Amino acid sequence: MTIADLIEGDKAIITSFIVDEIPLKLIEMGCIAGNSVELVQSAPLKDPLYLNLNGTFLAIRKETASQILVEKI
């Protein structure tokens, strides 16, 4: 399951990444294995996704979200 598979209100824990390199900006904002993520809202066409990542709110593209593996809580 990836972040892109979550529905609004779902909470999950980041487990790993499909790609070897994720944007440095995401890592700096706490997008690392073991941190929690919640899908707060998605845009009308499901792109971008608005997330709460350990208390930091950010919007990421669905393409990027589909490369971050999570385990639903």
PDB file of N, CA and C in Angstrom:
ATOM      1  N   MET A   1       0.852  -1.177   0.000  1.00  0.00           N
ATOM      2  CA  MET A   1       0.000   0.000   0.000  1.00  0.00           C
ATOM      3  C   MET A   1       0.895   1.237   0.000  1.00  0.00           C
ATOM      4  N   THR A   2       0.471   2.251  -0.733  1.00  0.00           N
ATOM      5  CA  THR A   2       1.225   3.502  -0.798  1.00  0.00           C
ATOM      6  C   THR A   2       0.365   4.644  -0.260  1.00  0.00           C
ATOM      7  N   ILE A   3       0.968   5.807  -0.105  1.00  0.00           N
ATOM      8  CA  ILE A   3       0.221   6.981   0.339  1.00  0.00           C
ATOM      9  C   ILE A   3      -0.899   7.297  -0.645  1.00  0.00           C
ATOM     10  N   ALA A   4      -0.673   7.055  -1.923  1.00  0.00           N
ATOM     11  CA  ALA A   4      -1.683   7.328  -2.951  1.00  0.00           C
ATOM     12  C   ALA A   4      -2.922   6.453  -2.785  1.00  0.00           C
ATOM     13  N   ASP A   5      -2.802   5.330  -2.093  1.00  0.00           N
ATOM     14  CA  ASP A   5      -3.930   4.412  -1.887  1.00  0.00           C
ATOM     15  C   ASP A   5      -4.802   4.796  -0.688  1.00  0.00           C
ATOM     16  N   LEU A   6      -4.318   5.704   0.145  1.00  0.00           N
ATOM     17  CA  LEU A   6      -5.076   6.100   1.335  1.00  0.00           C
ATOM     18  C   LEU A   6      -6.307   6.917   0.943  1.00  0.00           C
ATOM     19  N   ILE A   7      -7.335   6.867   1.808  1.00  0.00           N
ATOM     20  CA  ILE A   7      -8.501   7.725   1.616  1.00  0.00           C
ATOM     21  C   ILE A   7      -8.486   8.771   2.729  1.00  0.00           C
ATOM     22  N   GLU A   8      -9.220   9.849   2.542  1.00  0.00           N
ATOM     23  CA  GLU A   8      -9.197  10.955   3.495  1.00  0.00           C
ATOM     24  C   GLU A   8      -9.470  10.463   4.910  1.00  0.00           C
ATOM     25  N   GLY A   9      -8.618  10.887   5.842  1.00  0.00           N
ATOM     26  CA  GLY A   9      -8.739  10.508   7.243  1.00  0.00           C
ATOM     27  C   GLY A   9      -7.904   9.312   7.643  1.00  0.00           C
ATOM     28  N   ASP A  10      -7.395   8.555   6.671  1.00  0.00           N
ATOM     29  CA  ASP A  10      -6.555   7.390   6.968  1.00  0.00           C
ATOM     30  C   ASP A  10      -5.211   7.821   7.534  1.00  0.00           C
ATOM     31  N   LYS A  11      -4.735   7.049   8.512  1.00  0.00           N
ATOM     32  CA  LYS A  11      -3.414   7.271   9.088  1.00  0.00           C
ATOM     33  C   LYS A  11      -2.571   6.040   8.822  1.00  0.00           C
ATOM     34  N   ALA A  12      -1.279   6.256   8.617  1.00  0.00           N
ATOM     35  CA  ALA A  12      -0.372   5.158   8.300  1.00  0.00           C
ATOM     36  C   ALA A  12       1.035   5.482   8.779  1.00  0.00           C
ATOM     37  N   ILE A  13       1.877   4.472   8.758  1.00  0.00           N
ATOM     38  CA  ILE A  13       3.295   4.609   9.093  1.00  0.00           C
ATOM     39  C   ILE A  13       4.098   4.341   7.824  1.00  0.00           C
ATOM     40  N   ILE A  14       5.041   5.212   7.537  1.00  0.00           N
ATOM     41  CA  ILE A  14       5.903   5.028   6.368  1.00  0.00           C
ATOM     42  C   ILE A  14       6.835   3.846   6.633  1.00  0.00           C
ATOM     43  N   THR A  15       6.875   2.899   5.689  1.00  0.00           N
ATOM     44  CA  THR A  15       7.728   1.727   5.860  1.00  0.00           C
ATOM     45  C   THR A  15       8.970   1.769   4.975  1.00  0.00           C
ATOM     46  N   SER A  16       8.802   2.157   3.707  1.00  0.00           N
ATOM     47  CA  SER A  16       9.946   2.222   2.792  1.00  0.00           C
ATOM     48  C   SER A  16       9.550   2.987   1.542  1.00  0.00           C
ATOM     49  N   PHE A  17      10.458   2.980   0.571  1.00  0.00           N
ATOM     50  CA  PHE A  17      10.245   3.705  -0.671  1.00  0.00           C
ATOM     51  C   PHE A  17      10.497   2.784  -1.851  1.00  0.00           C
ATOM     52  N   ILE A  18       9.739   2.958  -2.921  1.00  0.00           N
ATOM     53  CA  ILE A  18       9.898   2.143  -4.120  1.00  0.00           C
ATOM     54  C   ILE A  18      11.149   2.560  -4.889  1.00  0.00           C
ATOM     55  N   VAL A  19      11.456   3.839  -4.888  1.00  0.00           N
ATOM     56  CA  VAL A  19      12.635   4.346  -5.593  1.00  0.00           C
ATOM     57  C   VAL A  19      13.771   4.572  -4.603  1.00  0.00           C
ATOM     58  N   ASP A  20      14.983   4.597  -5.117  1.00  0.00           N
ATOM     59  CA  ASP A  20      16.145   4.818  -4.259  1.00  0.00           C
ATOM     60  C   ASP A  20      16.289   6.276  -3.855  1.00  0.00           C
ATOM     61  N   GLU A  21      15.872   7.166  -4.728  1.00  0.00           N
ATOM     62  CA  GLU A  21      16.036   8.586  -4.457  1.00  0.00           C
ATOM     63  C   GLU A  21      14.680   9.271  -4.378  1.00  0.00           C
ATOM     64  N   ILE A  22      14.383   9.836  -3.213  1.00  0.00           N
ATOM     65  CA  ILE A  22      13.179  10.648  -3.093  1.00  0.00           C
ATOM     66  C   ILE A  22      13.642  12.095  -2.943  1.00  0.00           C
ATOM     67  N   PRO A  23      12.799  13.043  -3.271  1.00  0.00           N
ATOM     68  CA  PRO A  23      13.229  14.443  -3.184  1.00  0.00           C
ATOM     69  C   PRO A  23      13.745  14.804  -1.788  1.00  0.00           C
ATOM     70  N   LEU A  24      14.872  15.486  -1.736  1.00  0.00           N
ATOM     71  CA  LEU A  24      15.492  15.886  -0.481  1.00  0.00           C
ATOM     72  C   LEU A  24      14.537  16.702   0.371  1.00  0.00           C
ATOM     73  N   LYS A  25      13.715  17.510  -0.251  1.00  0.00           N
ATOM     74  CA  LYS A  25      12.766  18.347   0.482  1.00  0.00           C
ATOM     75  C   LYS A  25      11.809  17.485   1.316  1.00  0.00           C
ATOM     76  N   LEU A  26      11.368  16.343   0.798  1.00  0.00           N
ATOM     77  CA  LEU A  26      10.488  15.452   1.556  1.00  0.00           C
ATOM     78  C   LEU A  26      11.208  14.861   2.764  1.00  0.00           C
ATOM     79  N   ILE A  27      12.459  14.482   2.580  1.00  0.00           N
ATOM     80  CA  ILE A  27      13.243  13.942   3.698  1.00  0.00           C
ATOM     81  C   ILE A  27      13.403  14.996   4.787  1.00  0.00           C
ATOM     82  N   GLU A  28      13.696  16.228   4.384  1.00  0.00           N
ATOM     83  CA  GLU A  28      13.859  17.318   5.351  1.00  0.00           C
ATOM     84  C   GLU A  28      12.570  17.595   6.122  1.00  0.00           C
ATOM     85  N   MET A  29      11.423  17.325   5.501  1.00  0.00           N
ATOM     86  CA  MET A  29      10.138  17.558   6.159  1.00  0.00           C
ATOM     87  C   MET A  29       9.687  16.354   6.978  1.00  0.00           C
ATOM     88  N   GLY A  30      10.497  15.309   7.048  1.00  0.00           N
ATOM     89  CA  GLY A  30      10.194  14.174   7.900  1.00  0.00           C
ATOM     90  C   GLY A  30       9.641  12.958   7.199  1.00  0.00           C
ATOM     91  N   CYS A  31       9.738  12.905   5.905  1.00  0.00           N
ATOM     92  CA  CYS A  31       9.235  11.756   5.140  1.00  0.00           C
ATOM     93  C   CYS A  31      10.286  10.658   5.159  1.00  0.00           C
ATOM     94  N   ILE A  32      10.389   9.988   6.308  1.00  0.00           N
ATOM     95  CA  ILE A  32      11.345   8.899   6.466  1.00  0.00           C
ATOM     96  C   ILE A  32      10.626   7.716   7.105  1.00  0.00           C
ATOM     97  N   ALA A  33      11.195   6.543   6.923  1.00  0.00           N
ATOM     98  CA  ALA A  33      10.586   5.323   7.458  1.00  0.00           C
ATOM     99  C   ALA A  33      10.370   5.451   8.969  1.00  0.00           C
ATOM    100  N   GLY A  34       9.190   5.045   9.418  1.00  0.00           N
ATOM    101  CA  GLY A  34       8.865   5.079  10.840  1.00  0.00           C
ATOM    102  C   GLY A  34       7.996   6.253  11.247  1.00  0.00           C
ATOM    103  N   ASN A  35       7.932   7.286  10.426  1.00  0.00           N
ATOM    104  CA  ASN A  35       7.102   8.454  10.744  1.00  0.00           C
ATOM    105  C   ASN A  35       5.662   8.222  10.319  1.00  0.00           C
ATOM    106  N   SER A  36       4.744   8.895  11.011  1.00  0.00           N
ATOM    107  CA  SER A  36       3.328   8.745  10.695  1.00  0.00           C
ATOM    108  C   SER A  36       2.894   9.764   9.655  1.00  0.00           C
ATOM    109  N   VAL A  37       1.874   9.393   8.898  1.00  0.00           N
ATOM    110  CA  VAL A  37       1.326  10.256   7.858  1.00  0.00           C
ATOM    111  C   VAL A  37      -0.196  10.093   7.861  1.00  0.00           C
ATOM    112  N   GLU A  38      -0.890  11.190   7.645  1.00  0.00           N
ATOM    113  CA  GLU A  38      -2.351  11.173   7.555  1.00  0.00           C
ATOM    114  C   GLU A  38      -2.767  11.916   6.292  1.00  0.00           C
ATOM    115  N   LEU A  39      -3.673  11.321   5.539  1.00  0.00           N
ATOM    116  CA  LEU A  39      -4.215  11.994   4.363  1.00  0.00           C
ATOM    117  C   LEU A  39      -5.339  12.908   4.832  1.00  0.00           C
ATOM    118  N   VAL A  40      -5.077  14.205   4.795  1.00  0.00           N
ATOM    119  CA  VAL A  40      -6.038  15.201   5.265  1.00  0.00           C
ATOM    120  C   VAL A  40      -7.093  15.469   4.202  1.00  0.00           C
ATOM    121  N   GLN A  41      -6.635  15.664   2.976  1.00  0.00           N
ATOM    122  CA  GLN A  41      -7.553  16.024   1.900  1.00  0.00           C
ATOM    123  C   GLN A  41      -6.903  15.739   0.559  1.00  0.00           C
ATOM    124  N   SER A  42      -7.725  15.445  -0.431  1.00  0.00           N
ATOM    125  CA  SER A  42      -7.198  15.317  -1.791  1.00  0.00           C
ATOM    126  C   SER A  42      -7.948  16.290  -2.685  1.00  0.00           C
ATOM    127  N   ALA A  43      -7.272  16.766  -3.702  1.00  0.00           N
ATOM    128  CA  ALA A  43      -7.872  17.707  -4.642  1.00  0.00           C
ATOM    129  C   ALA A  43      -8.994  17.001  -5.410  1.00  0.00           C
ATOM    130  N   PRO A  44      -9.857  17.756  -6.067  1.00  0.00           N
ATOM    131  CA  PRO A  44     -10.980  17.147  -6.783  1.00  0.00           C
ATOM    132  C   PRO A  44     -10.591  16.041  -7.764  1.00  0.00           C
ATOM    133  N   LEU A  45      -9.459  16.147  -8.418  1.00  0.00           N
ATOM    134  CA  LEU A  45      -9.017  15.099  -9.341  1.00  0.00           C
ATOM    135  C   LEU A  45      -7.995  14.168  -8.693  1.00  0.00           C
ATOM    136  N   LYS A  46      -7.940  14.156  -7.366  1.00  0.00           N
ATOM    137  CA  LYS A  46      -7.037  13.296  -6.569  1.00  0.00           C
ATOM    138  C   LYS A  46      -5.557  13.635  -6.736  1.00  0.00           C
ATOM    139  N   ASP A  47      -5.265  14.841  -7.178  1.00  0.00           N
ATOM    140  CA  ASP A  47      -3.871  15.248  -7.337  1.00  0.00           C
ATOM    141  C   ASP A  47      -3.798  16.762  -7.216  1.00  0.00           C
ATOM    142  N   PRO A  48      -3.115  17.343  -6.279  1.00  0.00           N
ATOM    143  CA  PRO A  48      -2.206  16.740  -5.313  1.00  0.00           C
ATOM    144  C   PRO A  48      -2.942  16.227  -4.068  1.00  0.00           C
ATOM    145  N   LEU A  49      -2.165  15.598  -3.182  1.00  0.00           N
ATOM    146  CA  LEU A  49      -2.671  15.096  -1.911  1.00  0.00           C
ATOM    147  C   LEU A  49      -2.141  15.982  -0.792  1.00  0.00           C
ATOM    148  N   TYR A  50      -3.018  16.335   0.142  1.00  0.00           N
ATOM    149  CA  TYR A  50      -2.643  17.186   1.269  1.00  0.00           C
ATOM    150  C   TYR A  50      -2.444  16.289   2.482  1.00  0.00           C
ATOM    151  N   LEU A  51      -1.227  16.277   3.029  1.00  0.00           N
ATOM    152  CA  LEU A  51      -0.850  15.347   4.090  1.00  0.00           C
ATOM    153  C   LEU A  51      -0.456  16.049   5.377  1.00  0.00           C
ATOM    154  N   ASN A  52      -0.647  15.332   6.494  1.00  0.00           N
ATOM    155  CA  ASN A  52      -0.096  15.723   7.784  1.00  0.00           C
ATOM    156  C   ASN A  52       1.011  14.721   8.060  1.00  0.00           C
ATOM    157  N   LEU A  53       2.239  15.172   8.018  1.00  0.00           N
ATOM    158  CA  LEU A  53       3.396  14.314   8.186  1.00  0.00           C
ATOM    159  C   LEU A  53       4.088  14.690   9.484  1.00  0.00           C
ATOM    160  N   ASN A  54       3.747  13.975  10.558  1.00  0.00           N
ATOM    161  CA  ASN A  54       4.295  14.261  11.892  1.00  0.00           C
ATOM    162  C   ASN A  54       4.105  15.720  12.289  1.00  0.00           C
ATOM    163  N   GLY A  55       2.929  16.275  12.022  1.00  0.00           N
ATOM    164  CA  GLY A  55       2.637  17.650  12.410  1.00  0.00           C
ATOM    165  C   GLY A  55       2.995  18.690  11.364  1.00  0.00           C
ATOM    166  N   THR A  56       3.618  18.279  10.282  1.00  0.00           N
ATOM    167  CA  THR A  56       3.938  19.175   9.179  1.00  0.00           C
ATOM    168  C   THR A  56       2.946  18.935   8.056  1.00  0.00           C
ATOM    169  N   PHE A  57       2.285  19.984   7.605  1.00  0.00           N
ATOM    170  CA  PHE A  57       1.311  19.854   6.530  1.00  0.00           C
ATOM    171  C   PHE A  57       1.982  20.153   5.200  1.00  0.00           C
ATOM    172  N   LEU A  58       1.764  19.277   4.224  1.00  0.00           N
ATOM    173  CA  LEU A  58       2.345  19.495   2.918  1.00  0.00           C
ATOM    174  C   LEU A  58       1.476  18.852   1.842  1.00  0.00           C
ATOM    175  N   ALA A  59       1.636  19.331   0.637  1.00  0.00           N
ATOM    176  CA  ALA A  59       0.934  18.779  -0.521  1.00  0.00           C
ATOM    177  C   ALA A  59       1.966  18.140  -1.437  1.00  0.00           C
ATOM    178  N   ILE A  60       1.680  16.910  -1.854  1.00  0.00           N
ATOM    179  CA  ILE A  60       2.580  16.235  -2.788  1.00  0.00           C
ATOM    180  C   ILE A  60       1.761  15.668  -3.950  1.00  0.00           C
ATOM    181  N   ARG A  61       2.420  15.491  -5.057  1.00  0.00           N
ATOM    182  CA  ARG A  61       1.762  14.936  -6.237  1.00  0.00           C
ATOM    183  C   ARG A  61       1.483  13.454  -6.030  1.00  0.00           C
ATOM    184  N   LYS A  62       0.438  12.983  -6.652  1.00  0.00           N
ATOM    185  CA  LYS A  62       0.069  11.579  -6.528  1.00  0.00           C
ATOM    186  C   LYS A  62       1.176  10.672  -7.060  1.00  0.00           C
ATOM    187  N   GLU A  63       1.881  11.117  -8.086  1.00  0.00           N
ATOM    188  CA  GLU A  63       2.990  10.348  -8.653  1.00  0.00           C
ATOM    189  C   GLU A  63       4.062  10.079  -7.594  1.00  0.00           C
ATOM    190  N   THR A  64       4.389  11.093  -6.802  1.00  0.00           N
ATOM    191  CA  THR A  64       5.376  10.928  -5.726  1.00  0.00           C
ATOM    192  C   THR A  64       4.802  10.076  -4.607  1.00  0.00           C
ATOM    193  N   ALA A  65       3.545  10.300  -4.255  1.00  0.00           N
ATOM    194  CA  ALA A  65       2.894   9.556  -3.174  1.00  0.00           C
ATOM    195  C   ALA A  65       2.831   8.062  -3.498  1.00  0.00           C
ATOM    196  N   SER A  66       2.741   7.722  -4.754  1.00  0.00           N
ATOM    197  CA  SER A  66       2.641   6.308  -5.137  1.00  0.00           C
ATOM    198  C   SER A  66       3.976   5.575  -5.001  1.00  0.00           C
ATOM    199  N   GLN A  67       5.040   6.282  -4.644  1.00  0.00           N
ATOM    200  CA  GLN A  67       6.344   5.654  -4.466  1.00  0.00           C
ATOM    201  C   GLN A  67       6.738   5.548  -2.996  1.00  0.00           C
ATOM    202  N   ILE A  68       5.832   5.931  -2.103  1.00  0.00           N
ATOM    203  CA  ILE A  68       6.104   5.863  -0.660  1.00  0.00           C
ATOM    204  C   ILE A  68       5.212   4.780  -0.059  1.00  0.00           C
ATOM    205  N   LEU A  69       5.822   3.686   0.369  1.00  0.00           N
ATOM    206  CA  LEU A  69       5.083   2.573   0.939  1.00  0.00           C
ATOM    207  C   LEU A  69       4.720   2.834   2.392  1.00  0.00           C
ATOM    208  N   VAL A  70       3.498   2.469   2.772  1.00  0.00           N
ATOM    209  CA  VAL A  70       3.017   2.693   4.130  1.00  0.00           C
ATOM    210  C   VAL A  70       2.281   1.467   4.644  1.00  0.00           C
ATOM    211  N   GLU A  71       2.126   1.423   5.964  1.00  0.00           N
ATOM    212  CA  GLU A  71       1.315   0.396   6.623  1.00  0.00           C
ATOM    213  C   GLU A  71       0.215   1.128   7.373  1.00  0.00           C
ATOM    214  N   LYS A  72      -1.027   0.851   7.028  1.00  0.00           N
ATOM    215  CA  LYS A  72      -2.175   1.539   7.613  1.00  0.00           C
ATOM    216  C   LYS A  72      -2.302   1.225   9.103  1.00  0.00           C
ATOM    217  N   ILE A  73      -2.637   2.258   9.877  1.00  0.00           N
ATOM    218  CA  ILE A  73      -2.806   2.074  11.330  1.00  0.00           C
ATOM    219  C   ILE A  73      -4.261   1.728  11.601  1.00  0.00           C
TER     220      ILE A  73
END
